N, C-alpha and C. Protein backbone atom coordinates (compact mmCIF):
# COMPACT_ATOMS: atom_id res chain seq x y z
N MET A 1 0.82 -1.08 0.07
CA MET A 1 -0.09 -0.09 0.21
C MET A 1 1.11 1.44 0.01
N ILE A 2 1.08 2.04 -0.99
CA ILE A 2 1.26 3.37 -1.21
C ILE A 2 0.16 4.57 -0.41
N ARG A 3 1.19 5.42 0.53
CA ARG A 3 0.95 6.48 1.16
C ARG A 3 1.33 7.83 1.04
N LEU A 4 0.19 8.63 0.63
CA LEU A 4 -0.17 9.73 0.09
C LEU A 4 -0.32 10.73 0.77
N ALA A 5 0.55 11.94 0.87
CA ALA A 5 0.01 13.17 2.05
C ALA A 5 -0.53 14.30 0.73
N LEU A 6 -1.37 14.96 1.11
CA LEU A 6 -2.10 15.83 1.12
C LEU A 6 -2.17 16.50 1.38
N PRO A 7 -2.28 18.63 1.07
CA PRO A 7 -2.11 19.40 1.61
C PRO A 7 -3.30 19.70 2.33
N LYS A 8 -3.40 20.62 3.45
CA LYS A 8 -4.70 21.08 4.06
C LYS A 8 -4.87 22.69 3.86
N GLY A 9 -5.80 23.16 3.25
CA GLY A 9 -5.65 24.67 3.02
C GLY A 9 -6.15 24.91 1.53
N ARG A 10 -5.42 25.97 0.74
CA ARG A 10 -6.10 26.33 -0.95
C ARG A 10 -5.33 25.62 -1.66
N ASN A 11 -4.09 24.14 -1.30
CA ASN A 11 -4.17 23.96 -1.93
C ASN A 11 -4.63 22.27 -2.44
N LEU A 12 -5.27 22.36 -1.45
CA LEU A 12 -6.31 20.94 -1.51
C LEU A 12 -7.67 20.66 -2.38
N GLU A 13 -7.95 21.60 -2.99
CA GLU A 13 -9.20 21.30 -3.74
C GLU A 13 -8.54 21.29 -5.16
N VAL A 14 -7.28 22.14 -5.32
CA VAL A 14 -7.02 22.17 -6.86
C VAL A 14 -5.59 20.74 -6.97
N THR A 15 -5.27 20.05 -6.21
CA THR A 15 -4.62 18.92 -5.92
C THR A 15 -6.07 17.68 -6.13
N LEU A 16 -6.64 17.87 -5.70
CA LEU A 16 -7.89 16.60 -5.81
C LEU A 16 -8.39 16.60 -7.39
N ALA A 17 -8.94 18.48 -7.92
CA ALA A 17 -9.47 18.41 -8.88
C ALA A 17 -8.48 17.62 -9.83
N ALA A 18 -6.84 18.03 -10.17
CA ALA A 18 -6.01 17.18 -10.67
C ALA A 18 -6.08 16.01 -10.52
N PHE A 19 -6.01 14.96 -9.43
CA PHE A 19 -6.06 13.75 -9.42
C PHE A 19 -7.22 12.84 -9.91
N ARG A 20 -8.54 13.65 -9.82
CA ARG A 20 -9.29 13.38 -10.33
C ARG A 20 -9.34 13.63 -11.80
N ALA A 21 -9.15 14.48 -12.03
CA ALA A 21 -9.08 14.78 -13.90
C ALA A 21 -8.08 13.30 -14.27
N ALA A 22 -7.18 12.64 -13.60
CA ALA A 22 -6.33 12.09 -14.28
C ALA A 22 -6.85 10.65 -13.77
N GLY A 23 -7.86 10.29 -13.12
CA GLY A 23 -9.09 8.93 -12.87
C GLY A 23 -8.23 8.77 -11.24
N LEU A 24 -7.75 9.45 -10.43
CA LEU A 24 -7.04 9.07 -9.52
C LEU A 24 -8.03 9.64 -8.28
N LEU A 25 -7.58 9.08 -6.77
CA LEU A 25 -9.14 9.57 -5.98
C LEU A 25 -10.38 9.48 -6.03
N ARG A 26 -10.70 9.26 -6.79
CA ARG A 26 -12.53 9.55 -6.53
C ARG A 26 -12.98 8.48 -5.86
N GLY A 27 -12.79 8.34 -4.88
CA GLY A 27 -12.97 8.05 -3.55
C GLY A 27 -12.68 8.48 -2.14
N TYR A 28 -12.58 9.56 -2.74
CA TYR A 28 -11.48 10.92 -1.86
C TYR A 28 -12.52 11.66 -2.14
N ASP A 29 -13.26 12.05 -0.76
CA ASP A 29 -13.69 13.72 -1.10
C ASP A 29 -12.96 14.87 0.22
N GLY A 30 -12.31 14.36 0.89
CA GLY A 30 -10.95 15.19 1.73
C GLY A 30 -12.32 16.32 3.01
N ALA A 31 -13.49 16.03 3.14
CA ALA A 31 -13.99 16.59 3.41
C ALA A 31 -14.38 16.19 4.81
N GLY A 32 -13.59 15.31 5.27
CA GLY A 32 -13.76 14.49 6.71
C GLY A 32 -13.00 15.45 7.64
N ARG A 33 -13.13 14.82 9.02
CA ARG A 33 -11.69 15.45 9.42
C ARG A 33 -10.49 14.41 10.40
N SER A 34 -10.81 13.39 9.17
CA SER A 34 -10.34 12.27 9.79
C SER A 34 -8.67 12.34 9.22
N LEU A 35 -7.49 12.26 9.74
CA LEU A 35 -6.24 12.10 9.82
C LEU A 35 -5.73 11.61 8.48
N LEU A 36 -5.76 10.22 8.46
CA LEU A 36 -5.61 8.96 8.14
C LEU A 36 -6.42 8.33 6.70
N THR A 37 -6.21 8.29 6.09
CA THR A 37 -7.99 7.34 5.18
C THR A 37 -7.70 6.32 3.88
N VAL A 38 -7.74 5.61 4.13
CA VAL A 38 -7.33 4.03 3.54
C VAL A 38 -8.19 4.45 2.28
N VAL A 39 -8.09 4.59 0.79
CA VAL A 39 -9.10 4.64 -0.44
C VAL A 39 -8.79 4.07 -1.17
N ALA A 40 -9.75 3.35 -2.10
CA ALA A 40 -9.59 1.43 -2.83
C ALA A 40 -9.34 2.30 -4.23
N GLU A 41 -8.04 1.66 -5.29
CA GLU A 41 -7.83 2.49 -6.08
C GLU A 41 -7.36 1.15 -6.72
N ALA A 42 -8.05 0.99 -8.18
CA ALA A 42 -7.43 0.35 -8.93
C ALA A 42 -6.38 -0.45 -9.55
N GLY A 43 -5.94 -1.14 -8.80
CA GLY A 43 -4.48 -1.53 -9.34
C GLY A 43 -3.56 -1.31 -8.70
N THR A 44 -3.99 -0.93 -7.38
CA THR A 44 -3.30 -0.65 -6.32
C THR A 44 -3.94 -1.86 -5.08
N ALA A 45 -2.61 -1.88 -3.63
CA ALA A 45 -3.66 -2.85 -2.28
C ALA A 45 -4.21 -1.69 -2.36
N GLY A 46 -4.67 -0.14 -2.45
CA GLY A 46 -5.07 0.47 -1.55
C GLY A 46 -3.97 2.02 -1.83
N ILE A 47 -4.72 2.95 -1.44
CA ILE A 47 -4.28 4.07 -1.15
C ILE A 47 -4.45 4.89 0.08
N GLU A 48 -3.29 4.98 1.30
CA GLU A 48 -3.23 5.74 2.46
C GLU A 48 -3.44 7.29 2.01
N VAL A 49 -4.02 7.31 2.45
CA VAL A 49 -4.21 9.19 2.53
C VAL A 49 -4.16 10.14 3.99
N LEU A 50 -2.92 10.87 3.95
CA LEU A 50 -2.22 11.38 4.83
C LEU A 50 -2.70 13.44 4.83
N SER A 51 -3.84 13.37 5.89
CA SER A 51 -4.09 15.29 5.62
C SER A 51 -3.02 15.83 6.66
N LEU A 52 -2.05 16.79 5.51
CA LEU A 52 -1.33 16.99 6.75
C LEU A 52 -1.11 18.87 6.75
N LYS A 53 -0.71 19.71 7.36
CA LYS A 53 -0.40 20.96 6.89
C LYS A 53 0.71 21.56 6.02
N ASP A 54 0.85 22.26 4.88
CA ASP A 54 1.59 22.09 4.35
C ASP A 54 2.80 22.58 4.65
N TRP A 55 3.37 23.39 5.84
CA TRP A 55 4.69 23.10 6.20
C TRP A 55 5.24 21.96 7.07
N ASP A 56 4.32 20.84 8.09
CA ASP A 56 4.44 20.06 7.86
C ASP A 56 5.10 18.50 6.53
N LEU A 57 4.71 18.73 5.84
CA LEU A 57 3.78 17.75 4.71
C LEU A 57 5.65 17.30 3.91
N PRO A 58 6.50 18.24 4.07
CA PRO A 58 7.71 17.73 3.09
C PRO A 58 8.17 16.82 3.89
N LEU A 59 8.71 16.58 5.17
CA LEU A 59 9.51 16.47 6.45
C LEU A 59 8.26 15.17 6.34
N TYR A 60 7.39 14.93 6.62
CA TYR A 60 7.07 13.60 6.38
C TYR A 60 7.54 12.26 4.90
N VAL A 61 7.25 13.39 3.71
CA VAL A 61 8.04 12.75 2.66
C VAL A 61 9.02 12.59 3.05
N GLU A 62 9.84 13.39 3.05
CA GLU A 62 11.20 12.56 3.53
C GLU A 62 11.50 12.00 4.68
N HIS A 63 11.13 11.55 4.95
CA HIS A 63 11.99 10.66 6.45
C HIS A 63 11.34 9.37 6.02
N GLY A 64 10.09 9.52 4.52
CA GLY A 64 9.46 8.06 4.30
C GLY A 64 8.08 7.84 4.69
N VAL A 65 7.64 8.59 5.92
CA VAL A 65 6.32 8.60 6.58
C VAL A 65 5.39 8.48 5.77
N ALA A 66 5.43 9.20 4.68
CA ALA A 66 4.58 9.47 3.35
C ALA A 66 5.27 9.00 2.23
N ASP A 67 4.95 8.06 1.39
CA ASP A 67 5.47 8.30 0.28
C ASP A 67 5.51 9.51 -1.17
N CYS A 68 4.40 9.74 -1.20
CA CYS A 68 5.06 11.35 -1.53
C CYS A 68 3.59 12.02 -1.56
N GLY A 69 3.76 13.23 -2.11
CA GLY A 69 2.64 14.37 -1.63
C GLY A 69 2.48 15.28 -2.24
N VAL A 70 1.77 16.42 -2.33
CA VAL A 70 1.67 17.79 -2.72
C VAL A 70 1.90 18.72 -2.11
N VAL A 71 2.18 19.54 -2.49
CA VAL A 71 2.66 20.69 -1.19
C VAL A 71 2.87 22.19 -2.18
N GLY A 72 3.04 23.47 -1.75
CA GLY A 72 3.41 24.45 -2.48
C GLY A 72 4.53 24.78 -2.66
N SER A 73 5.15 24.92 -3.58
CA SER A 73 6.64 25.36 -3.82
C SER A 73 7.32 26.31 -3.36
N ASP A 74 6.25 27.72 -2.24
CA ASP A 74 6.47 28.36 -1.58
C ASP A 74 7.26 27.85 -0.27
N VAL A 75 6.28 26.74 -0.01
CA VAL A 75 6.98 26.11 1.06
C VAL A 75 8.87 25.28 0.93
N LEU A 76 8.42 24.42 -0.30
CA LEU A 76 9.72 23.71 -0.76
C LEU A 76 11.38 25.11 -0.51
N GLY A 77 10.56 25.93 -1.06
CA GLY A 77 11.57 26.97 -0.79
C GLY A 77 11.99 27.11 0.56
N GLU A 78 11.48 27.41 1.38
CA GLU A 78 11.87 27.35 2.84
C GLU A 78 12.51 25.88 3.73
N VAL A 79 12.08 24.55 3.07
CA VAL A 79 12.90 23.83 3.53
C VAL A 79 14.40 22.98 2.52
N ASP A 80 14.77 21.99 3.59
CA ASP A 80 16.29 21.89 2.61
C ASP A 80 15.76 20.17 2.57
N GLY A 81 15.16 20.26 2.64
CA GLY A 81 14.56 18.80 2.14
C GLY A 81 15.25 18.09 0.47
N ASP A 82 15.45 16.76 0.87
CA ASP A 82 16.39 16.07 -0.04
C ASP A 82 15.00 15.30 -1.14
N LEU A 83 14.26 15.54 -1.92
CA LEU A 83 12.84 15.77 -2.36
C LEU A 83 12.99 14.98 -4.05
N LEU A 84 12.07 14.54 -4.78
CA LEU A 84 12.09 14.31 -6.14
C LEU A 84 10.74 14.92 -6.01
N VAL A 85 11.09 15.88 -7.46
CA VAL A 85 10.10 17.02 -7.71
C VAL A 85 9.21 16.99 -9.10
N PRO A 86 9.20 15.76 -9.31
CA PRO A 86 8.77 15.48 -10.79
C PRO A 86 7.53 16.11 -11.69
N LEU A 87 7.09 17.03 -10.79
CA LEU A 87 5.25 17.68 -11.48
C LEU A 87 5.09 18.70 -10.64
N ARG A 88 5.07 19.70 -11.70
CA ARG A 88 4.43 20.99 -11.19
C ARG A 88 2.87 21.50 -11.92
N LEU A 89 1.92 21.23 -10.41
CA LEU A 89 0.87 21.06 -10.73
C LEU A 89 0.66 22.49 -11.83
N THR A 90 -0.44 22.92 -12.83
CA THR A 90 -1.01 24.06 -13.54
C THR A 90 -1.69 25.12 -13.13
N ALA A 91 -2.75 24.21 -12.75
CA ALA A 91 -4.63 24.98 -12.02
C ALA A 91 -3.29 25.05 -10.63
N GLY A 92 -4.39 26.86 -10.16
CA GLY A 92 -4.27 27.64 -9.54
C GLY A 92 -2.99 28.04 -9.00
N ARG A 93 -1.85 28.26 -9.69
CA ARG A 93 -0.69 28.93 -9.71
C ARG A 93 -1.12 30.83 -9.27
N SER A 94 -0.14 30.51 -7.89
CA SER A 94 -0.44 32.36 -7.97
C SER A 94 1.39 32.64 -7.57
N ARG A 95 1.06 33.83 -7.03
CA ARG A 95 2.84 34.17 -7.44
C ARG A 95 3.55 34.74 -5.88
N LEU A 96 4.30 34.99 -5.71
CA LEU A 96 5.08 35.10 -4.50
C LEU A 96 5.48 36.72 -5.00
N SER A 97 5.31 37.65 -4.06
CA SER A 97 5.13 39.72 -4.60
C SER A 97 5.81 40.00 -3.55
N LEU A 98 6.80 41.02 -3.77
CA LEU A 98 6.77 42.13 -2.52
C LEU A 98 5.78 43.31 -3.22
N ILE A 99 5.37 43.56 -2.07
CA ILE A 99 4.26 43.42 -1.76
C ILE A 99 4.20 45.55 -1.08
N GLY A 100 3.60 46.95 -1.02
CA GLY A 100 4.18 47.63 -0.15
C GLY A 100 3.11 49.21 -0.31
N ARG A 101 2.57 50.33 -0.15
CA ARG A 101 1.68 51.33 -0.23
C ARG A 101 2.32 51.63 -0.91
N THR A 102 3.66 51.58 -1.82
CA THR A 102 3.83 52.51 -3.00
C THR A 102 4.08 51.14 -3.75
N ARG A 103 4.60 51.85 -5.09
CA ARG A 103 4.93 50.80 -6.17
C ARG A 103 7.28 50.88 -6.22
N GLU A 104 7.23 52.00 -5.49
CA GLU A 104 8.99 52.36 -5.34
C GLU A 104 9.50 51.55 -4.63
N LEU A 105 10.78 50.72 -4.75
CA LEU A 105 11.25 49.61 -4.44
C LEU A 105 12.66 50.57 -3.55
N PRO A 106 13.01 50.29 -2.76
CA PRO A 106 14.29 51.22 -2.07
C PRO A 106 15.14 51.19 -2.85
N PRO A 107 15.89 52.77 -2.85
CA PRO A 107 16.87 52.91 -3.81
C PRO A 107 18.41 51.82 -3.26
N ALA A 108 19.26 52.22 -3.97
CA ALA A 108 20.14 51.78 -4.16
C ALA A 108 21.22 52.13 -2.40
N GLY A 109 21.64 51.35 -2.51
CA GLY A 109 22.06 51.30 -0.83
C GLY A 109 21.15 52.15 0.37
N GLY A 110 19.61 52.06 0.18
CA GLY A 110 19.06 51.76 0.51
C GLY A 110 18.57 50.48 2.34
N GLN A 111 17.94 51.29 2.79
CA GLN A 111 17.56 49.78 4.33
C GLN A 111 16.03 50.05 4.94
N VAL A 112 15.61 48.82 4.49
CA VAL A 112 14.24 48.31 4.48
C VAL A 112 13.97 47.37 5.89
N ARG A 113 12.67 47.31 6.42
CA ARG A 113 12.19 46.20 7.48
C ARG A 113 11.44 45.29 5.87
N LEU A 114 11.56 44.33 5.96
CA LEU A 114 10.80 43.46 4.88
C LEU A 114 10.19 42.12 5.75
N ALA A 115 8.96 42.46 6.08
CA ALA A 115 7.88 41.35 6.58
C ALA A 115 7.49 40.27 5.62
N THR A 116 7.73 39.17 6.62
CA THR A 116 7.15 37.79 5.61
C THR A 116 7.28 36.66 6.38
N LYS A 117 6.60 35.54 6.28
CA LYS A 117 6.54 33.83 6.67
C LYS A 117 7.83 33.37 5.81
N TYR A 118 8.24 33.81 5.49
CA TYR A 118 9.28 33.21 4.08
C TYR A 118 10.64 33.82 4.21
N PRO A 119 11.24 33.71 5.48
CA PRO A 119 12.52 34.56 5.50
C PRO A 119 13.25 33.74 4.46
N GLN A 120 13.84 32.67 4.45
CA GLN A 120 14.70 31.77 3.45
C GLN A 120 14.66 32.81 2.19
N THR A 121 13.55 32.48 1.81
CA THR A 121 13.35 33.27 -0.31
C THR A 121 13.86 34.38 0.18
N ALA A 122 13.31 35.44 1.20
CA ALA A 122 13.30 37.02 1.39
C ALA A 122 14.97 36.99 1.14
N ARG A 123 15.44 36.20 2.16
CA ARG A 123 17.10 36.37 2.21
C ARG A 123 17.51 36.23 0.76
N ARG A 124 17.25 35.14 0.21
CA ARG A 124 17.64 35.56 -1.19
C ARG A 124 17.46 36.35 -2.59
N VAL A 125 16.25 37.15 -2.67
CA VAL A 125 15.68 38.26 -3.05
C VAL A 125 16.53 39.24 -2.70
N VAL A 126 16.48 39.10 -0.76
CA VAL A 126 17.42 40.54 -0.91
C VAL A 126 18.96 40.61 -1.03
N ALA A 127 19.43 39.28 -1.37
CA ALA A 127 21.16 39.29 -1.99
C ALA A 127 20.80 39.81 -3.01
N GLY A 128 20.40 39.95 -3.92
CA GLY A 128 20.11 39.94 -4.94
C GLY A 128 20.05 41.33 -5.93
N ARG A 129 19.33 42.36 -4.40
CA ARG A 129 19.33 43.40 -5.03
C ARG A 129 20.02 45.02 -4.60
N PRO A 130 20.48 46.00 -5.05
CA PRO A 130 21.31 46.78 -4.06
C PRO A 130 20.68 47.35 -3.17
N TRP A 131 19.84 47.22 -2.39
CA TRP A 131 19.39 47.56 -1.08
C TRP A 131 19.55 46.50 -0.09
N GLY A 132 19.19 46.62 1.16
CA GLY A 132 19.12 45.68 2.17
C GLY A 132 18.28 45.87 2.77
N ALA A 133 18.15 44.99 3.69
CA ALA A 133 16.47 44.71 4.52
C ALA A 133 16.77 43.89 5.68
N GLU A 134 16.09 44.31 6.86
CA GLU A 134 15.70 43.59 8.14
C GLU A 134 14.73 42.57 7.93
N ILE A 135 14.91 41.57 7.91
CA ILE A 135 13.98 40.98 8.06
C ILE A 135 12.91 40.82 8.62
N VAL A 136 11.72 40.51 8.90
CA VAL A 136 10.51 40.72 9.92
C VAL A 136 10.40 38.95 9.59
N GLU A 137 10.44 38.29 11.03
CA GLU A 137 9.05 36.87 10.52
C GLU A 137 8.14 36.90 11.26
N LEU A 138 6.84 37.14 10.33
CA LEU A 138 5.56 36.70 10.81
C LEU A 138 4.87 35.41 10.28
N SER A 139 3.98 35.15 10.88
CA SER A 139 3.35 33.84 10.94
C SER A 139 1.79 33.65 9.81
N GLY A 140 1.58 35.14 10.55
CA GLY A 140 0.16 35.29 9.23
C GLY A 140 0.23 37.03 8.89
N SER A 141 -1.17 37.37 8.21
CA SER A 141 -1.77 38.21 8.50
C SER A 141 -0.17 39.63 8.24
N ILE A 142 0.32 39.10 6.71
CA ILE A 142 1.68 39.45 6.65
C ILE A 142 1.25 41.18 6.02
N GLU A 143 0.49 41.19 5.50
CA GLU A 143 -0.30 42.84 4.99
C GLU A 143 -0.28 44.15 5.66
N LEU A 144 -0.72 43.08 6.82
CA LEU A 144 -0.84 44.28 7.89
C LEU A 144 0.14 44.59 8.17
N ALA A 145 1.74 44.00 7.81
CA ALA A 145 2.48 44.54 8.16
C ALA A 145 3.35 45.76 7.37
N PRO A 146 3.27 46.43 6.22
CA PRO A 146 3.20 47.58 5.46
C PRO A 146 2.14 48.68 5.57
N LEU A 147 0.69 47.75 6.12
CA LEU A 147 -0.17 48.49 6.29
C LEU A 147 0.03 49.27 7.57
N LEU A 148 0.23 49.26 8.25
CA LEU A 148 0.05 49.42 10.01
C LEU A 148 2.07 49.70 10.00
N ALA A 149 3.03 49.87 9.41
CA ALA A 149 4.25 50.69 9.11
C ALA A 149 5.43 49.58 10.01
N LEU A 150 4.66 48.78 10.38
CA LEU A 150 5.56 47.52 11.01
C LEU A 150 7.03 47.33 10.17
N ALA A 151 7.03 47.23 9.02
CA ALA A 151 8.34 47.58 7.24
C ALA A 151 7.33 47.60 6.62
N GLU A 152 8.50 48.42 5.63
CA GLU A 152 7.66 48.94 4.62
C GLU A 152 7.55 48.27 3.46
N VAL A 153 8.21 47.07 3.55
CA VAL A 153 7.38 46.11 2.41
C VAL A 153 6.92 45.03 2.96
N ALA A 154 6.66 43.70 2.08
CA ALA A 154 5.99 42.27 2.37
C ALA A 154 6.60 41.31 1.49
N LEU A 155 6.66 40.38 1.79
CA LEU A 155 6.56 39.25 1.32
C LEU A 155 6.02 38.58 1.15
N ASP A 156 4.78 38.45 0.04
CA ASP A 156 3.86 37.23 0.27
C ASP A 156 3.13 36.45 -1.00
N ILE A 157 2.22 35.66 -0.84
CA ILE A 157 1.13 35.29 -1.28
C ILE A 157 0.73 36.02 -2.46
N VAL A 158 0.65 36.28 -3.68
CA VAL A 158 -1.15 37.45 -4.04
C VAL A 158 -1.72 36.33 -5.19
N GLN A 159 -3.11 36.14 -4.81
CA GLN A 159 -3.62 35.38 -5.81
C GLN A 159 -4.36 35.90 -6.80
N THR A 160 -5.52 36.95 -5.91
CA THR A 160 -6.47 37.96 -7.52
C THR A 160 -5.95 39.14 -7.05
N GLY A 161 -5.08 39.76 -5.89
CA GLY A 161 -4.86 40.85 -5.59
C GLY A 161 -5.82 41.57 -5.31
N ARG A 162 -6.74 41.21 -4.69
CA ARG A 162 -7.85 41.73 -4.32
C ARG A 162 -8.11 41.93 -2.89
N THR A 163 -7.61 41.16 -1.72
CA THR A 163 -7.24 41.74 -0.43
C THR A 163 -6.13 43.08 -0.75
N LEU A 164 -4.91 43.15 -1.78
CA LEU A 164 -4.03 44.45 -1.80
C LEU A 164 -5.02 45.44 -2.14
N ALA A 165 -5.74 45.39 -3.27
CA ALA A 165 -6.80 47.01 -3.26
C ALA A 165 -7.56 47.17 -2.53
N GLU A 166 -8.01 46.53 -1.57
CA GLU A 166 -9.32 46.55 -0.75
C GLU A 166 -8.55 47.01 0.90
N ASN A 167 -7.09 46.93 1.13
CA ASN A 167 -5.89 47.44 1.60
C ASN A 167 -5.68 48.51 1.01
N ASN A 168 -5.51 49.26 0.43
CA ASN A 168 -4.53 50.39 -0.22
C ASN A 168 -3.40 49.55 -0.23
N LEU A 169 -2.98 48.21 -1.02
CA LEU A 169 -1.28 47.99 -0.75
C LEU A 169 -1.42 47.63 -2.62
N VAL A 170 -0.07 47.83 -2.73
CA VAL A 170 0.12 47.53 -3.84
C VAL A 170 1.24 46.51 -4.32
N GLU A 171 0.89 45.32 -5.07
CA GLU A 171 1.55 44.67 -6.00
C GLU A 171 3.25 45.43 -6.15
N ILE A 172 4.24 45.71 -5.46
CA ILE A 172 6.00 46.20 -6.07
C ILE A 172 5.82 45.17 -7.56
N GLU A 173 6.33 44.12 -7.09
CA GLU A 173 7.33 42.92 -7.91
C GLU A 173 6.85 41.59 -7.34
N THR A 174 6.37 40.61 -8.65
CA THR A 174 6.67 39.60 -8.88
C THR A 174 7.80 38.75 -8.58
N VAL A 175 8.17 38.32 -7.70
CA VAL A 175 9.53 37.27 -7.03
C VAL A 175 9.61 35.69 -7.68
N ALA A 176 8.11 34.82 -8.06
CA ALA A 176 7.83 33.71 -8.16
C ALA A 176 7.02 33.61 -8.51
N GLU A 177 6.58 32.78 -9.31
CA GLU A 177 5.47 31.85 -9.31
C GLU A 177 5.30 30.57 -8.42
N VAL A 178 4.56 30.55 -8.08
CA VAL A 178 3.75 29.41 -7.28
C VAL A 178 2.88 28.91 -7.50
N ALA A 179 3.62 27.21 -7.37
CA ALA A 179 2.68 26.12 -7.79
C ALA A 179 2.63 25.37 -7.02
N ALA A 180 1.95 24.18 -6.83
CA ALA A 180 1.18 22.91 -6.15
C ALA A 180 2.10 22.12 -7.06
N CYS A 181 2.90 21.58 -6.56
CA CYS A 181 4.27 20.69 -6.44
C CYS A 181 3.86 18.88 -6.06
N PHE A 182 3.98 17.82 -7.02
CA PHE A 182 4.01 16.52 -6.51
C PHE A 182 5.14 16.23 -6.10
N VAL A 183 5.69 15.92 -4.74
CA VAL A 183 7.10 15.34 -4.41
C VAL A 183 7.37 14.32 -4.16
N VAL A 184 8.21 13.49 -4.26
CA VAL A 184 8.58 11.67 -3.66
C VAL A 184 9.74 11.36 -3.18
N ASN A 185 9.53 10.77 -2.43
CA ASN A 185 10.51 10.38 -0.92
C ASN A 185 11.52 9.28 -2.55
N ARG A 186 12.98 9.43 -2.43
CA ARG A 186 13.49 9.18 -3.14
C ARG A 186 13.63 7.28 -2.92
N ALA A 187 14.02 7.26 -1.76
CA ALA A 187 13.37 5.32 -1.51
C ALA A 187 12.43 4.63 -1.96
N SER A 188 11.23 5.82 -2.00
CA SER A 188 9.53 5.02 -2.41
C SER A 188 9.83 5.12 -3.54
N TYR A 189 10.23 6.51 -4.39
CA TYR A 189 10.34 6.12 -5.88
C TYR A 189 10.96 4.58 -6.31
N GLN A 190 11.77 4.45 -5.65
CA GLN A 190 12.84 2.50 -6.36
C GLN A 190 11.61 2.07 -6.02
N ARG A 191 10.58 2.40 -4.72
CA ARG A 191 10.10 1.16 -3.94
C ARG A 191 8.50 0.88 -5.04
N HIS A 192 8.20 2.15 -5.34
CA HIS A 192 6.98 1.99 -5.92
C HIS A 192 7.15 2.86 -7.58
N ARG A 193 8.60 2.18 -7.96
CA ARG A 193 8.42 3.14 -9.05
C ARG A 193 7.70 3.23 -10.71
N ARG A 194 7.30 1.99 -11.07
CA ARG A 194 5.95 1.82 -11.31
C ARG A 194 4.78 2.77 -11.87
N LEU A 195 4.03 2.25 -10.36
CA LEU A 195 2.84 2.71 -9.48
C LEU A 195 2.84 4.61 -10.15
N LEU A 196 4.07 4.63 -9.28
CA LEU A 196 4.53 6.72 -9.64
C LEU A 196 4.27 6.68 -11.07
N ASN A 197 5.11 6.40 -12.03
CA ASN A 197 5.26 6.93 -13.11
C ASN A 197 4.09 6.54 -13.64
N ASP A 198 3.22 5.92 -13.48
CA ASP A 198 2.30 5.44 -14.13
C ASP A 198 1.11 7.18 -13.52
N TRP A 199 0.86 7.04 -12.22
CA TRP A 199 0.50 8.34 -11.62
C TRP A 199 1.06 9.83 -12.49
N ILE A 200 2.41 9.91 -12.25
CA ILE A 200 2.77 10.91 -13.18
C ILE A 200 2.65 11.48 -14.38
N GLY A 201 2.35 10.40 -15.41
CA GLY A 201 2.27 10.22 -16.45
C GLY A 201 0.72 10.30 -17.07
N ARG A 202 -0.41 10.02 -15.68
CA ARG A 202 -2.22 10.18 -16.11
C ARG A 202 -1.97 11.90 -15.56
N LEU A 203 -1.25 12.41 -14.58
CA LEU A 203 -1.12 14.18 -14.33
C LEU A 203 -0.73 14.77 -14.83
N GLU A 204 0.07 14.25 -15.81
CA GLU A 204 0.53 14.80 -16.62
C GLU A 204 -0.24 15.88 -18.04
N ALA A 205 -0.79 14.00 -18.34
CA ALA A 205 -1.59 14.19 -19.56
C ALA A 205 -2.71 14.76 -19.43
N ALA A 206 -3.54 14.61 -17.85
CA ALA A 206 -4.64 15.50 -17.78
C ALA A 206 -4.35 16.76 -17.68
N GLU A 207 -3.46 17.21 -17.75
CA GLU A 207 -2.93 18.67 -17.45
C GLU A 207 -3.35 18.89 -19.11
N VAL A 208 -2.49 18.46 -19.95
CA VAL A 208 -2.41 18.85 -21.38
C VAL A 208 -3.79 19.09 -22.09
N ALA A 209 -4.93 17.95 -21.18
CA ALA A 209 -6.07 18.43 -21.92
C ALA A 209 -6.60 19.17 -21.49
N ALA A 210 -6.60 19.37 -19.86
CA ALA A 210 -7.57 20.23 -19.74
C ALA A 210 -7.41 21.79 -20.64
């Protein structure tokens, strides 16, 4: 039996839609509160589905507790896990952007406070700029930081931009595209190579047909 880790939150709907379009996980609705569910699946002994928070999921897959899973590329950019990433889903993509009260970036040689829950990514961004930043790490409500002057700039996920517009904030610059990624434990790939290659092929075909 193979064990698949699925994310809670914004990536779950996109993930389930992709798997169902590929003819997988049609017996799993994701609506219950169970943390571990066994799903019957043709051609397998069944799939154990783990329901995990995005930030915990890579660790479970890296340590082989789950054989594979789906997690946002924004989270992968913050962890040092040794995972295979054979596929990035196209649906539901968003962007990781610098946001603030104006569209002006700091001048060369300038220094600002930058609020984010992605400190590793923020440090890589700042390292390539002619200005510096003190990274202020937050766990939520990132938009409030520039709005209430805790920081001049924030680095956060932007989907529609509606929240920014409603709070008189602007998207200054897109830093990276964010996608839900199918990740696989290296040892599990060797153990379930045929099945995982079949899943990857079906997911890719469903994406092309969409």
